[in-house]
N, C-alpha and C. Protein backbone atom coordinates (compact mmCIF):
# COMPACT_ATOMS: atom_id res chain seq x y z
N MET A 1 100.55 111.95 86.59
CA MET A 1 101.20 111.50 87.63
C MET A 1 102.35 111.28 87.07
N THR A 2 103.42 112.30 88.05
CA THR A 2 104.79 111.93 86.82
C THR A 2 105.23 110.54 87.50
N VAL A 3 106.77 110.91 86.88
CA VAL A 3 107.05 108.84 87.55
C VAL A 3 108.03 108.62 88.18
N MET A 4 108.28 110.17 89.00
CA MET A 4 109.08 109.75 90.29
C MET A 4 107.05 109.86 91.16
N LYS A 5 106.56 109.95 91.34
CA LYS A 5 105.36 110.17 92.29
C LYS A 5 104.60 108.88 91.98
N ASN A 6 104.92 108.13 90.82
CA ASN A 6 104.72 106.80 90.66
C ASN A 6 105.12 105.96 91.31
N VAL A 7 106.71 106.32 91.77
CA VAL A 7 107.82 105.08 91.89
C VAL A 7 107.75 105.68 93.11
N LEU A 8 107.40 106.73 93.58
CA LEU A 8 107.15 107.22 95.59
C LEU A 8 105.55 106.03 95.91
N SER A 9 104.95 106.12 95.33
CA SER A 9 103.34 105.50 95.83
C SER A 9 103.70 104.38 95.92
N GLY A 10 104.41 103.29 94.66
CA GLY A 10 104.50 102.33 93.87
C GLY A 10 105.22 101.33 95.38
N THR A 11 106.20 102.47 95.94
CA THR A 11 107.67 102.21 96.49
C THR A 11 106.72 101.30 98.32
N VAL A 12 105.67 103.06 98.05
CA VAL A 12 105.40 102.69 99.64
C VAL A 12 103.81 101.59 99.96
N LYS A 13 103.34 101.17 98.52
CA LYS A 13 101.97 100.69 99.08
C LYS A 13 102.77 99.02 98.90
N GLY A 14 104.07 98.47 98.70
CA GLY A 14 104.13 97.73 99.35
C GLY A 14 104.49 96.78 98.04
N GLY A 15 104.73 95.18 98.35
CA GLY A 15 105.05 94.62 96.93
C GLY A 15 106.39 94.42 97.22
N THR A 16 106.88 94.23 95.25
CA THR A 16 108.32 93.75 95.53
C THR A 16 108.61 94.71 94.30
N ILE A 17 110.00 95.27 94.27
CA ILE A 17 110.93 95.58 93.04
C ILE A 17 110.94 95.51 91.90
N ASP A 18 110.76 94.29 91.65
CA ASP A 18 109.94 93.57 90.07
C ASP A 18 108.72 93.93 89.69
N ALA A 19 107.67 93.53 90.53
CA ALA A 19 106.24 94.15 90.17
C ALA A 19 105.75 95.55 89.95
N LEU A 20 107.30 96.18 91.05
CA LEU A 20 106.27 97.69 90.84
C LEU A 20 107.09 98.39 89.52
N ALA A 21 108.33 97.45 88.91
CA ALA A 21 108.97 98.03 87.48
C ALA A 21 108.26 97.30 86.71
N LYS A 22 107.84 96.24 86.67
CA LYS A 22 106.45 95.84 86.10
C LYS A 22 105.78 96.86 85.64
N GLU A 23 104.44 97.06 86.96
CA GLU A 23 103.91 97.95 86.56
C GLU A 23 103.84 99.30 86.13
N LEU A 24 105.33 99.77 86.40
CA LEU A 24 105.03 100.79 85.63
C LEU A 24 105.78 101.26 84.39
N ASP A 25 106.04 99.74 83.90
CA ASP A 25 107.25 99.36 82.81
C ASP A 25 108.40 100.27 82.89
N ILE A 26 109.40 100.41 83.36
CA ILE A 26 110.63 100.78 83.67
C ILE A 26 111.35 99.94 84.50
N ASN A 27 112.58 100.04 83.32
CA ASN A 27 113.72 98.80 83.68
C ASN A 27 114.27 99.19 84.72
N MET A 28 114.95 98.04 85.61
CA MET A 28 115.12 97.13 87.03
C MET A 28 115.90 98.81 87.35
N SER A 29 117.01 98.83 86.82
CA SER A 29 118.29 99.85 87.06
C SER A 29 117.97 100.86 87.04
N THR A 30 117.14 101.71 85.97
CA THR A 30 116.40 102.92 86.49
C THR A 30 115.78 103.13 87.51
N LEU A 31 114.70 101.98 88.24
CA LEU A 31 113.71 102.30 89.05
C LEU A 31 114.27 101.95 90.84
N LEU A 32 115.60 101.26 90.26
CA LEU A 32 116.75 100.98 91.38
C LEU A 32 117.06 102.21 91.79
N ALA A 33 117.35 102.64 90.70
CA ALA A 33 118.69 104.25 90.84
C ALA A 33 117.67 104.89 91.02
N MET A 34 116.00 105.90 90.41
CA MET A 34 115.04 106.36 91.14
C MET A 34 114.76 106.38 92.75
N ILE A 35 114.53 104.57 93.11
CA ILE A 35 114.49 104.84 94.14
C ILE A 35 115.95 105.41 95.31
N ASP A 36 117.01 104.83 94.98
CA ASP A 36 118.07 105.63 95.54
C ASP A 36 118.15 107.25 95.75
N PHE A 37 117.68 107.87 94.66
CA PHE A 37 117.73 109.20 94.22
C PHE A 37 116.44 109.77 95.62
N LEU A 38 115.29 109.12 95.00
CA LEU A 38 114.10 109.71 96.20
C LEU A 38 114.50 109.19 97.89
N SER A 39 115.14 108.34 98.48
CA SER A 39 116.39 108.08 99.42
C SER A 39 116.76 108.74 99.55
N ASP A 40 117.66 109.46 98.93
CA ASP A 40 119.46 110.04 99.15
C ASP A 40 118.70 111.62 99.10
N ALA A 41 117.56 111.83 98.34
CA ALA A 41 116.85 113.48 98.37
C ALA A 41 115.81 113.48 99.47
N GLY A 42 115.51 112.52 100.43
CA GLY A 42 114.65 113.04 101.77
C GLY A 42 113.54 112.41 101.15
N TYR A 43 113.08 111.91 100.28
CA TYR A 43 111.81 111.69 100.21
C TYR A 43 111.10 110.56 100.73
N LEU A 44 111.97 109.22 100.86
CA LEU A 44 112.13 108.40 101.10
C LEU A 44 113.32 107.87 102.01
N GLU A 45 112.97 106.96 103.45
CA GLU A 45 113.71 106.32 103.89
C GLU A 45 113.70 105.12 104.40
N ILE A 46 114.62 104.69 105.15
CA ILE A 46 114.73 103.23 105.11
C ILE A 46 113.90 102.82 106.30
N THR A 47 113.17 102.07 106.80
CA THR A 47 112.78 101.59 107.51
C THR A 47 113.52 100.24 108.22
N GLY A 48 114.29 99.83 107.48
CA GLY A 48 114.26 98.08 107.83
C GLY A 48 115.50 98.00 106.64
N LEU A 49 115.86 96.91 107.04
CA LEU A 49 117.02 95.72 106.44
C LEU A 49 116.08 94.68 106.58
N GLN A 50 116.33 93.36 105.93
CA GLN A 50 115.61 92.36 106.21
C GLN A 50 116.91 91.17 105.48
N CYS A 51 117.05 90.14 105.63
CA CYS A 51 118.16 89.13 105.11
C CYS A 51 117.34 88.53 104.03
N SER A 52 117.53 88.14 103.01
CA SER A 52 117.24 87.59 101.73
C SER A 52 118.20 86.67 101.34
N CYS A 53 118.83 86.35 102.86
CA CYS A 53 119.82 84.99 102.03
C CYS A 53 119.31 83.24 102.98
N GLN A 54 117.96 83.55 103.93
CA GLN A 54 117.35 82.87 104.14
C GLN A 54 117.91 81.70 105.06
N ALA A 55 118.89 82.21 105.61
CA ALA A 55 119.99 81.46 106.58
C ALA A 55 119.91 81.05 108.05
N SER A 56 118.48 82.08 108.48
CA SER A 56 117.97 81.74 109.97
C SER A 56 119.35 82.40 110.21
N ASN A 57 119.55 81.83 111.01
CA ASN A 57 120.55 82.02 112.54
C ASN A 57 121.55 82.83 112.38
N LEU A 58 122.35 82.11 111.27
CA LEU A 58 123.65 81.99 110.34
C LEU A 58 123.64 83.73 109.06
N CYS A 59 122.08 83.97 109.23
CA CYS A 59 121.89 85.73 108.62
C CYS A 59 123.54 86.51 109.03
N ASP A 60 123.69 86.76 109.87
CA ASP A 60 124.66 87.44 110.65
C ASP A 60 125.77 87.97 110.31
N ASN A 61 126.56 85.97 110.31
CA ASN A 61 127.25 85.88 109.42
C ASN A 61 127.41 85.66 108.02
N HIS A 62 126.37 85.91 107.41
CA HIS A 62 126.20 85.32 105.92
C HIS A 62 126.23 86.62 105.10
N CYS A 63 125.29 87.55 105.84
CA CYS A 63 124.73 89.15 105.32
C CYS A 63 125.92 89.70 105.58
N GLY A 64 125.92 89.75 106.57
CA GLY A 64 126.85 90.91 107.62
C GLY A 64 125.81 92.32 107.73
N LEU A 65 126.73 92.85 108.05
CA LEU A 65 125.91 94.37 108.72
C LEU A 65 125.83 95.26 107.41
N GLU A 66 126.99 94.85 106.68
CA GLU A 66 126.39 95.79 105.51
C GLU A 66 126.06 94.61 103.98
N GLY A 67 125.77 94.32 104.21
CA GLY A 67 125.83 93.04 103.16
C GLY A 67 125.00 93.55 102.20
N GLY A 68 125.18 92.49 101.69
CA GLY A 68 124.80 93.03 99.66
C GLY A 68 123.42 92.55 99.69
N SER A 69 122.98 90.98 100.43
CA SER A 69 121.68 89.89 100.35
C SER A 69 121.04 90.53 101.16
N GLN A 70 120.49 92.20 101.33
CA GLN A 70 119.57 92.58 102.34
C GLN A 70 118.53 92.95 101.62
N THR A 71 117.12 93.21 102.09
CA THR A 71 116.05 93.42 101.28
C THR A 71 115.64 94.83 101.86
N LYS A 72 115.65 95.89 101.86
CA LYS A 72 115.29 97.47 102.17
C LYS A 72 114.26 97.64 101.44
N MET A 73 113.64 98.22 102.59
CA MET A 73 112.46 98.23 102.80
C MET A 73 112.46 100.27 103.74
N TYR A 74 110.75 100.71 103.09
CA TYR A 74 111.10 101.93 102.88
C TYR A 74 109.70 102.65 103.33
N ALA A 75 109.90 103.95 103.80
CA ALA A 75 108.51 104.35 104.27
C ALA A 75 108.81 106.01 103.81
N LEU A 76 107.61 106.31 103.55
CA LEU A 76 107.51 107.83 102.86
C LEU A 76 108.16 108.91 104.29
N THR A 77 108.48 109.89 104.18
CA THR A 77 109.08 110.98 104.06
C THR A 77 107.92 112.06 104.61
N ILE A 78 108.51 112.67 105.86
CA ILE A 78 106.79 113.94 105.55
C ILE A 78 107.61 114.46 103.85
N LYS A 79 108.18 114.86 103.77
CA LYS A 79 109.07 115.35 102.42
C LYS A 79 108.19 114.93 101.64
N GLY A 80 108.17 113.09 101.37
CA GLY A 80 107.56 112.14 100.36
C GLY A 80 106.03 112.79 100.31
N GLU A 81 105.43 112.69 101.71
CA GLU A 81 104.07 112.80 102.21
C GLU A 81 103.72 113.82 101.16
N GLN A 82 103.77 115.19 101.34
CA GLN A 82 103.93 116.51 101.03
C GLN A 82 103.66 116.25 99.06
N PHE A 83 105.21 116.00 98.80
CA PHE A 83 105.30 115.44 97.49
C PHE A 83 104.62 114.85 96.85
N LEU A 84 103.52 113.74 97.55
CA LEU A 84 102.91 113.20 96.69
C LEU A 84 101.10 113.99 96.76
N SER A 85 101.50 114.41 98.20
CA SER A 85 99.92 115.56 98.44
C SER A 85 99.91 116.73 97.07
N CYS A 86 101.00 116.80 96.34
CA CYS A 86 100.86 118.30 95.64
C CYS A 86 99.91 117.53 94.43
N THR A 87 99.03 118.83 93.66
CA THR A 87 98.20 118.81 93.19
C THR A 87 99.13 118.73 91.76
N ALA A 88 99.92 119.81 91.66
CA ALA A 88 100.91 120.03 90.17
C ALA A 88 101.59 118.46 89.54
N PRO A 89 101.29 118.51 88.67
CA PRO A 89 102.37 117.13 87.78
C PRO A 89 103.80 117.31 88.25
């Protein structure tokens, strides 16, 4: 399986980015760049944002709408599903 397919399948099966980077033996910045590429190319879509600041009701003020402390959640698009189901390496 190609690295991109491994990243795609690992991203949607759940878990943390740290765990996926360790599992795939990929540098964290490389993995994040791959995920951004797959999202920009239409293989993944962001399905939700969750604030990671743990400030409960103050979260909107702390993280903001475009805040950097948000955890992104991804799902495969139809294009991503087709890519994963393709048998070519």
